C-alpha cells in the first residue's frame, strides 16, 4: 500500500451503509459503520484501509478488561500508523459496549488504530476526541475473547 501523508481519497458512496467483517485468529465479528454523513472522513478512511489490506496481519496490541480491545498499529506497540491524522469527527455516542472508535493521542486522532469497547464507557463522550464510527452487530463474543497478540487476518467490506 502506498505511504500517504494525507487522509485517503474518497472511496465510499455517501448514500450507502457499510459493514466490515473482521476476520481474526479468534473468529469473526462485524462492525456496522455509522452513516457516512455522521463521520465522513473516518468511515471513508476505515473502508479505504480495509479495501487496501492495511490491517491484514496486524495484531491487537492493547486489551483492558472491561474497557477496550485496540488494534490497527503496524508497529504493534500503540505508536504506529499512517503518516496522517484524521480530523476530529467526534459525534454523539453513549460509548456503550460494542462501540467502535478511532484511538486518539495528544498528536490527534489516529489514522489506523481503532478500538472496541468491552463495557459501557460514557466518560469517552466527555472529552470529545474519539471518532465513533460503528457498532458491533455480530460477534461480540469473539471480541470478548481477544487477547494481546491476536491477529487480524483480513477485513471484508460490504455496502448496501
Protein backbone atom coordinates (compact mmCIF):
# COMPACT_ATOMS: atom_id res chain seq x y z
CA UNK A 1 0.00 0.00 0.00
CA UNK A 2 1.26 3.46 -0.83
CA UNK A 3 2.53 5.64 2.01
CA UNK A 4 0.16 8.58 2.44
CA UNK A 5 0.74 11.86 4.26
CA UNK A 6 -2.89 12.97 3.98
CA UNK A 7 -6.15 11.09 4.53
CA UNK A 8 -7.10 8.91 1.56
CA UNK A 9 -9.25 9.87 -1.42
CA UNK A 10 -12.97 9.22 -1.20
CA UNK A 11 -13.84 5.57 -1.84
CA UNK A 12 -17.27 5.40 -0.21
CA UNK A 13 -20.70 6.16 -1.61
CA UNK A 14 -22.32 8.52 0.89
CA UNK A 15 -25.76 7.06 0.11
CA UNK A 16 -24.80 3.56 1.24
CA UNK A 17 -24.40 1.88 4.62
CA UNK A 18 -21.20 -0.09 5.25
CA UNK A 19 -20.40 -3.11 7.34
CA UNK A 20 -16.93 -4.53 7.86
CA UNK A 21 -16.39 -8.20 8.67
CA UNK A 22 -13.18 -8.55 10.67
CA UNK A 23 -11.59 -12.00 10.43
CA UNK A 24 -9.30 -12.64 13.41
CA UNK A 25 -7.36 -15.53 14.88
CA UNK A 26 -10.23 -15.83 17.43
CA UNK A 27 -13.08 -15.77 14.90
CA UNK A 28 -15.09 -13.15 13.05
CA UNK A 29 -17.03 -10.08 14.09
CA UNK A 30 -18.91 -7.41 12.15
CA UNK A 31 -18.71 -3.65 12.63
CA UNK A 32 -21.75 -1.82 11.27
CA UNK A 33 -20.38 1.60 10.35
CA UNK A 34 -22.26 4.81 11.13
CA UNK A 35 -23.86 6.61 8.19
CA UNK A 36 -21.10 8.32 6.20
CA UNK A 37 -22.58 11.78 6.86
CA UNK A 38 -22.01 11.30 10.63
CA UNK A 39 -18.23 10.81 10.34
CA UNK A 40 -17.40 11.01 6.62
CA UNK A 41 -13.61 11.01 6.76
CA UNK A 42 -13.43 8.37 9.48
CA UNK A 43 -15.80 5.98 7.69
CA UNK A 44 -14.03 6.59 4.36
CA UNK A 45 -10.62 6.04 5.94
CA UNK A 46 -11.60 2.74 7.61
CA UNK A 47 -13.16 1.44 4.38
CA UNK A 48 -10.12 2.55 2.36
CA UNK A 49 -7.67 0.84 4.72
CA UNK A 50 -9.78 -2.34 4.75
CA UNK A 51 -10.05 -2.41 0.94
CA UNK A 52 -6.30 -1.93 0.63
CA UNK A 53 -5.48 -4.72 3.13
CA UNK A 54 -3.74 -2.36 5.56
CA UNK A 55 -4.99 -4.30 8.60
CA UNK A 56 -4.19 -7.78 7.28
CA UNK A 57 -1.71 -9.47 9.63
CA UNK A 58 -1.70 -6.74 12.27
CA UNK A 59 -2.29 -7.57 15.91
CA UNK A 60 -4.43 -6.36 18.75
CA UNK A 61 -1.79 -4.64 20.89
CA UNK A 62 -3.94 -3.43 23.78
CA UNK A 63 -6.62 -5.18 25.82
CA UNK A 64 -8.00 -3.68 29.02
CA UNK A 65 -10.54 -5.99 30.66
CA UNK A 66 -13.99 -4.42 30.81
CA UNK A 67 -12.85 -1.40 28.78
CA UNK A 68 -11.35 -1.90 25.28
CA UNK A 69 -9.56 -4.02 22.74
CA UNK A 70 -7.36 -1.99 20.39
CA UNK A 71 -5.58 -2.81 17.15
CA UNK A 72 -4.55 -1.33 13.83
CA UNK A 73 -0.98 -0.36 14.67
CA UNK A 74 1.55 -1.65 12.12
CA UNK A 75 4.28 -1.45 14.79
CA UNK A 76 2.19 -3.44 17.25
CA UNK A 77 3.01 -1.25 20.25
CA UNK A 78 0.46 1.59 20.12
CA UNK A 79 2.73 4.16 18.47
CA UNK A 80 2.37 3.36 14.78
CA UNK A 81 0.02 4.21 11.96
CA UNK A 82 -0.04 6.03 8.66
CA UNK A 83 1.76 9.38 8.32
CA UNK A 84 -1.50 11.30 8.68
CA UNK A 85 -4.07 12.02 11.38
CA UNK A 86 -7.82 12.21 10.93
CA UNK A 87 -9.83 15.32 11.73
CA UNK A 88 -11.83 15.29 14.94
CA UNK A 89 -15.25 13.99 13.91
CA UNK A 90 -16.49 13.31 17.42
CA UNK A 91 -20.21 12.75 17.32
CA UNK A 92 -22.96 11.89 19.77
CA UNK A 93 -22.38 8.44 21.18
CA UNK A 94 -23.04 6.93 24.56
CA UNK A 95 -19.99 4.68 24.08
CA UNK A 96 -21.88 1.59 25.14
CA UNK A 97 -20.45 -1.92 25.00
CA UNK A 98 -19.55 -2.82 21.41
CA UNK A 99 -18.89 0.71 20.14
CA UNK A 100 -16.04 1.12 17.63
CA UNK A 101 -13.91 4.27 17.67
CA UNK A 102 -10.59 5.59 16.45
CA UNK A 103 -7.82 5.86 19.02
CA UNK A 104 -6.55 9.30 19.91
CA UNK A 105 -3.46 10.83 21.47
CA UNK A 106 -2.00 14.27 22.03
CA UNK A 107 -0.91 14.19 18.38
CA UNK A 108 -4.52 13.80 17.18
CA UNK A 109 -6.93 11.13 16.01
CA UNK A 110 -5.14 8.02 14.75
CA UNK A 111 -5.24 7.25 11.06
CA UNK A 112 -5.47 3.49 11.65
CA UNK A 113 -5.68 2.45 15.30
CA UNK A 114 -9.20 1.55 16.36
CA UNK A 115 -10.79 0.22 19.49
CA UNK A 116 -13.96 -1.56 20.54
CA UNK A 117 -15.47 -1.00 23.96
CA UNK A 118 -15.86 -4.12 26.11
CA UNK A 119 -18.16 -2.33 28.54
CA UNK A 120 -20.04 0.91 28.77
CA UNK A 121 -17.60 3.84 28.69
CA UNK A 122 -19.70 7.05 28.78
CA UNK A 123 -16.69 9.06 30.01
CA UNK A 124 -15.25 8.82 26.47
CA UNK A 125 -18.00 11.18 25.30
CA UNK A 126 -16.96 13.92 27.69
CA UNK A 127 -13.57 14.64 26.16
CA UNK A 128 -14.75 14.68 22.52
CA UNK A 129 -11.57 13.41 20.87
CA UNK A 130 -12.61 9.90 19.87
CA UNK A 131 -14.22 9.40 16.48
CA UNK A 132 -17.11 6.95 16.93
CA UNK A 133 -17.51 5.13 13.63
CA UNK A 134 -19.51 1.98 14.28
CA UNK A 135 -21.07 -0.68 16.46
CA UNK A 136 -20.52 -4.42 16.69
CA UNK A 137 -23.55 -6.01 15.02
CA UNK A 138 -22.45 -9.63 15.42
CA UNK A 139 -19.58 -11.50 17.01
CA UNK A 140 -19.24 -9.57 20.28
CA UNK A 141 -18.48 -12.95 21.86
CA UNK A 142 -15.38 -13.08 19.62
CA UNK A 143 -14.35 -9.55 20.61
CA UNK A 144 -14.64 -10.58 24.28
CA UNK A 145 -12.09 -13.37 23.70
CA UNK A 146 -9.43 -11.22 22.00
CA UNK A 147 -6.09 -11.11 23.78
CA UNK A 148 -2.93 -9.08 23.20
CA UNK A 149 -1.11 -10.52 20.19
CA UNK A 150 -4.19 -11.97 18.47
CA UNK A 151 -4.10 -11.33 14.74
CA UNK A 152 -6.37 -9.51 12.33
CA UNK A 153 -6.34 -11.87 9.36
CA UNK A 154 -8.38 -9.74 6.92
CA UNK A 155 -11.34 -7.40 6.59
CA UNK A 156 -14.23 -7.62 4.13
CA UNK A 157 -16.18 -4.51 3.15
CA UNK A 158 -19.89 -4.82 2.46
CA UNK A 159 -22.03 -1.94 1.17
CA UNK A 160 -25.80 -1.84 0.91
